[in-house]
Amino acid sequence: MTPDQIELYRRRILFVLDAQRRRDGLPADVVQLHANAQTGLEGSLDFVRDQLDYLSRRDPPLVEEALKAISKERRAWRITTAGSALIDF
């Protein structure tokens, strides 16, 4: 993907997480399904995981990993206040 497409995809990830606010977050494969459909791009599951990790390491973090009581091996993500503020323009 080009840098512009990556930025578009990252923004779409934020929109997906903002629209699907859940305390237990969304798994990467669900984020991938929605982001691919909404952008028309074909982000692989590994690409989506990398983008979620990138967005979580920003200062301030734009997404965070949701701690799950059950199935801790299935990582899930949710948007942070900073992430919501970024897309609420």
N, C-alpha and C. Protein backbone atom coordinates (compact mmCIF):
# COMPACT_ATOMS: atom_id res chain seq x y z
N MET A 1 0.83 -1.19 0.00
CA MET A 1 0.00 0.00 0.00
C MET A 1 0.87 1.24 0.00
N THR A 2 0.34 2.29 -0.57
CA THR A 2 1.05 3.57 -0.56
C THR A 2 0.88 4.21 0.82
N PRO A 3 1.71 5.19 1.15
CA PRO A 3 1.55 5.88 2.44
C PRO A 3 0.15 6.49 2.61
N ASP A 4 -0.42 7.04 1.55
CA ASP A 4 -1.77 7.60 1.64
C ASP A 4 -2.81 6.52 1.93
N GLN A 5 -2.65 5.35 1.31
CA GLN A 5 -3.58 4.25 1.56
C GLN A 5 -3.46 3.73 3.00
N ILE A 6 -2.23 3.68 3.51
CA ILE A 6 -2.02 3.24 4.89
C ILE A 6 -2.68 4.21 5.86
N GLU A 7 -2.52 5.51 5.61
CA GLU A 7 -3.17 6.50 6.48
C GLU A 7 -4.69 6.37 6.41
N LEU A 8 -5.23 6.18 5.21
CA LEU A 8 -6.66 5.98 5.06
C LEU A 8 -7.12 4.74 5.84
N TYR A 9 -6.34 3.67 5.74
CA TYR A 9 -6.69 2.44 6.43
C TYR A 9 -6.65 2.62 7.95
N ARG A 10 -5.64 3.31 8.43
CA ARG A 10 -5.55 3.56 9.88
C ARG A 10 -6.74 4.39 10.37
N ARG A 11 -7.11 5.39 9.61
CA ARG A 11 -8.29 6.19 9.98
C ARG A 11 -9.55 5.33 9.99
N ARG A 12 -9.66 4.45 9.02
CA ARG A 12 -10.84 3.59 8.95
C ARG A 12 -10.88 2.65 10.15
N ILE A 13 -9.72 2.15 10.58
CA ILE A 13 -9.67 1.33 11.79
C ILE A 13 -10.25 2.11 12.97
N LEU A 14 -9.86 3.37 13.09
CA LEU A 14 -10.38 4.19 14.18
C LEU A 14 -11.89 4.37 14.07
N PHE A 15 -12.38 4.61 12.85
CA PHE A 15 -13.82 4.76 12.65
C PHE A 15 -14.57 3.47 13.00
N VAL A 16 -14.01 2.33 12.61
CA VAL A 16 -14.64 1.04 12.91
C VAL A 16 -14.73 0.83 14.42
N LEU A 17 -13.63 1.07 15.12
CA LEU A 17 -13.63 0.89 16.57
C LEU A 17 -14.54 1.89 17.26
N ASP A 18 -14.64 3.11 16.72
CA ASP A 18 -15.51 4.12 17.31
C ASP A 18 -16.98 3.75 17.11
N ALA A 19 -17.31 3.23 15.95
CA ALA A 19 -18.70 2.87 15.65
C ALA A 19 -19.14 1.62 16.41
N GLN A 20 -18.20 0.76 16.73
CA GLN A 20 -18.51 -0.51 17.39
C GLN A 20 -17.97 -0.50 18.82
N ARG A 21 -18.26 0.54 19.55
CA ARG A 21 -17.74 0.64 20.93
C ARG A 21 -18.26 -0.52 21.77
N ARG A 22 -17.31 -1.29 22.25
CA ARG A 22 -17.63 -2.43 23.11
C ARG A 22 -16.61 -2.48 24.22
N ARG A 23 -17.07 -2.78 25.40
CA ARG A 23 -16.15 -2.87 26.54
C ARG A 23 -15.08 -3.92 26.31
N ASP A 24 -15.47 -5.03 25.68
CA ASP A 24 -14.51 -6.11 25.44
C ASP A 24 -13.78 -5.97 24.11
N GLY A 25 -13.99 -4.87 23.40
CA GLY A 25 -13.26 -4.59 22.17
C GLY A 25 -13.66 -5.46 20.99
N LEU A 26 -12.95 -5.26 19.89
CA LEU A 26 -13.16 -6.04 18.67
C LEU A 26 -11.88 -6.77 18.32
N PRO A 27 -11.97 -8.04 17.93
CA PRO A 27 -10.79 -8.76 17.48
C PRO A 27 -10.29 -8.22 16.14
N ALA A 28 -9.04 -8.43 15.85
CA ALA A 28 -8.43 -7.90 14.63
C ALA A 28 -9.13 -8.39 13.37
N ASP A 29 -9.60 -9.63 13.36
CA ASP A 29 -10.25 -10.13 12.15
C ASP A 29 -11.57 -9.43 11.86
N VAL A 30 -12.27 -9.01 12.89
CA VAL A 30 -13.51 -8.24 12.71
C VAL A 30 -13.18 -6.84 12.21
N VAL A 31 -12.15 -6.23 12.78
CA VAL A 31 -11.70 -4.91 12.32
C VAL A 31 -11.29 -5.01 10.85
N GLN A 32 -10.57 -6.06 10.51
CA GLN A 32 -10.13 -6.26 9.12
C GLN A 32 -11.32 -6.35 8.17
N LEU A 33 -12.31 -7.12 8.53
CA LEU A 33 -13.50 -7.29 7.69
C LEU A 33 -14.15 -5.95 7.39
N HIS A 34 -14.38 -5.15 8.42
CA HIS A 34 -15.04 -3.86 8.24
C HIS A 34 -14.14 -2.86 7.50
N ALA A 35 -12.87 -2.78 7.87
CA ALA A 35 -11.97 -1.81 7.25
C ALA A 35 -11.76 -2.13 5.77
N ASN A 36 -11.62 -3.41 5.42
CA ASN A 36 -11.47 -3.78 4.02
C ASN A 36 -12.71 -3.40 3.22
N ALA A 37 -13.88 -3.69 3.77
CA ALA A 37 -15.13 -3.39 3.07
C ALA A 37 -15.33 -1.89 2.88
N GLN A 38 -14.92 -1.11 3.87
CA GLN A 38 -15.17 0.33 3.82
C GLN A 38 -14.13 1.10 3.01
N THR A 39 -12.93 0.53 2.85
CA THR A 39 -11.89 1.22 2.09
C THR A 39 -11.73 0.68 0.68
N GLY A 40 -12.16 -0.55 0.45
CA GLY A 40 -11.92 -1.19 -0.84
C GLY A 40 -10.50 -1.70 -0.97
N LEU A 41 -9.74 -1.63 0.12
CA LEU A 41 -8.36 -2.12 0.14
C LEU A 41 -8.34 -3.52 0.72
N GLU A 42 -7.29 -4.26 0.43
CA GLU A 42 -7.18 -5.63 0.92
C GLU A 42 -6.08 -5.72 1.97
N GLY A 43 -6.37 -5.26 3.16
CA GLY A 43 -5.41 -5.38 4.25
C GLY A 43 -5.43 -6.79 4.82
N SER A 44 -4.28 -7.43 4.88
CA SER A 44 -4.20 -8.78 5.44
C SER A 44 -4.38 -8.71 6.96
N LEU A 45 -4.64 -9.85 7.56
CA LEU A 45 -4.80 -9.88 9.01
C LEU A 45 -3.51 -9.45 9.70
N ASP A 46 -2.37 -9.86 9.19
CA ASP A 46 -1.09 -9.43 9.76
C ASP A 46 -0.92 -7.91 9.64
N PHE A 47 -1.32 -7.35 8.51
CA PHE A 47 -1.25 -5.90 8.30
C PHE A 47 -2.12 -5.18 9.33
N VAL A 48 -3.34 -5.67 9.54
CA VAL A 48 -4.25 -5.04 10.49
C VAL A 48 -3.68 -5.12 11.90
N ARG A 49 -3.14 -6.26 12.27
CA ARG A 49 -2.52 -6.39 13.60
C ARG A 49 -1.37 -5.41 13.76
N ASP A 50 -0.55 -5.26 12.71
CA ASP A 50 0.56 -4.31 12.76
C ASP A 50 0.05 -2.88 12.94
N GLN A 51 -1.03 -2.54 12.26
CA GLN A 51 -1.59 -1.19 12.36
C GLN A 51 -2.18 -0.95 13.75
N LEU A 52 -2.85 -1.94 14.29
CA LEU A 52 -3.39 -1.82 15.65
C LEU A 52 -2.25 -1.64 16.66
N ASP A 53 -1.18 -2.40 16.49
CA ASP A 53 -0.02 -2.24 17.38
C ASP A 53 0.57 -0.84 17.23
N TYR A 54 0.69 -0.37 15.99
CA TYR A 54 1.22 0.97 15.74
C TYR A 54 0.36 2.03 16.42
N LEU A 55 -0.95 1.94 16.23
CA LEU A 55 -1.87 2.93 16.81
C LEU A 55 -1.85 2.88 18.34
N SER A 56 -1.55 1.72 18.90
CA SER A 56 -1.51 1.61 20.36
C SER A 56 -0.21 2.15 20.95
N ARG A 57 0.83 2.27 20.12
CA ARG A 57 2.13 2.77 20.60
C ARG A 57 2.30 4.27 20.39
N ARG A 58 1.32 4.92 19.77
CA ARG A 58 1.38 6.37 19.58
C ARG A 58 1.35 7.05 20.94
N ASP A 59 1.76 8.31 20.98
CA ASP A 59 1.69 9.07 22.22
C ASP A 59 0.83 10.31 21.99
N PRO A 60 -0.37 10.33 22.44
CA PRO A 60 -1.06 9.32 23.25
C PRO A 60 -1.58 8.18 22.38
N PRO A 61 -1.79 7.00 22.98
CA PRO A 61 -2.30 5.87 22.22
C PRO A 61 -3.69 6.17 21.65
N LEU A 62 -3.91 5.75 20.41
CA LEU A 62 -5.21 5.97 19.77
C LEU A 62 -6.14 4.78 19.93
N VAL A 63 -5.55 3.61 20.16
CA VAL A 63 -6.32 2.40 20.48
C VAL A 63 -5.64 1.71 21.64
N GLU A 64 -6.38 0.82 22.29
CA GLU A 64 -5.79 0.05 23.39
C GLU A 64 -6.32 -1.37 23.32
N GLU A 65 -5.52 -2.26 23.84
CA GLU A 65 -5.97 -3.65 23.91
C GLU A 65 -6.98 -3.79 25.03
N ALA A 66 -8.07 -4.45 24.74
CA ALA A 66 -9.11 -4.69 25.74
C ALA A 66 -8.74 -5.94 26.51
N LEU A 67 -8.71 -5.84 27.82
CA LEU A 67 -8.40 -7.00 28.64
C LEU A 67 -9.63 -7.90 28.70
N LYS A 68 -9.43 -9.16 28.35
CA LYS A 68 -10.55 -10.08 28.30
C LYS A 68 -10.43 -11.10 29.42
N ALA A 69 -11.52 -11.34 30.09
CA ALA A 69 -11.54 -12.32 31.17
C ALA A 69 -11.51 -13.74 30.63
N ILE A 70 -12.14 -13.93 29.50
CA ILE A 70 -12.19 -15.24 28.84
C ILE A 70 -11.46 -15.11 27.51
N SER A 71 -10.80 -16.16 27.09
CA SER A 71 -10.10 -16.19 25.80
C SER A 71 -9.06 -15.08 25.68
N LYS A 72 -8.17 -15.01 26.64
CA LYS A 72 -7.12 -14.00 26.62
C LYS A 72 -6.22 -14.12 25.40
N GLU A 73 -6.17 -15.31 24.79
CA GLU A 73 -5.33 -15.51 23.63
C GLU A 73 -5.90 -14.84 22.38
N ARG A 74 -7.17 -14.48 22.42
CA ARG A 74 -7.80 -13.77 21.29
C ARG A 74 -7.83 -12.28 21.62
N ARG A 75 -6.81 -11.58 21.14
CA ARG A 75 -6.66 -10.15 21.43
C ARG A 75 -7.81 -9.35 20.82
N ALA A 76 -8.23 -8.33 21.53
CA ALA A 76 -9.28 -7.44 21.04
C ALA A 76 -8.86 -6.00 21.33
N TRP A 77 -9.42 -5.08 20.56
CA TRP A 77 -9.00 -3.69 20.60
C TRP A 77 -10.20 -2.77 20.74
N ARG A 78 -9.96 -1.62 21.35
CA ARG A 78 -10.99 -0.58 21.43
C ARG A 78 -10.30 0.78 21.27
N ILE A 79 -11.10 1.75 20.87
CA ILE A 79 -10.58 3.10 20.64
C ILE A 79 -10.42 3.81 21.99
N THR A 80 -9.43 4.69 22.07
CA THR A 80 -9.22 5.49 23.27
C THR A 80 -9.89 6.86 23.09
N THR A 81 -9.89 7.64 24.15
CA THR A 81 -10.42 9.00 24.07
C THR A 81 -9.64 9.82 23.06
N ALA A 82 -8.33 9.63 23.03
CA ALA A 82 -7.49 10.36 22.06
C ALA A 82 -7.83 9.96 20.63
N GLY A 83 -8.11 8.68 20.42
CA GLY A 83 -8.49 8.22 19.09
C GLY A 83 -9.82 8.80 18.65
N SER A 84 -10.78 8.84 19.57
CA SER A 84 -12.08 9.44 19.26
C SER A 84 -11.94 10.92 18.95
N ALA A 85 -11.11 11.61 19.72
CA ALA A 85 -10.92 13.04 19.51
C ALA A 85 -10.29 13.31 18.13
N LEU A 86 -9.43 12.43 17.69
CA LEU A 86 -8.76 12.61 16.40
C LEU A 86 -9.76 12.53 15.24
N ILE A 87 -10.73 11.64 15.34
CA ILE A 87 -11.66 11.50 14.23
C ILE A 87 -12.89 12.39 14.36
N ASP A 88 -13.09 13.00 15.51
CA ASP A 88 -14.20 13.93 15.71
C ASP A 88 -13.74 15.34 15.34
N PHE A 89 -13.73 15.59 14.06
CA PHE A 89 -13.28 16.92 13.61
C PHE A 89 -14.38 17.68 12.96
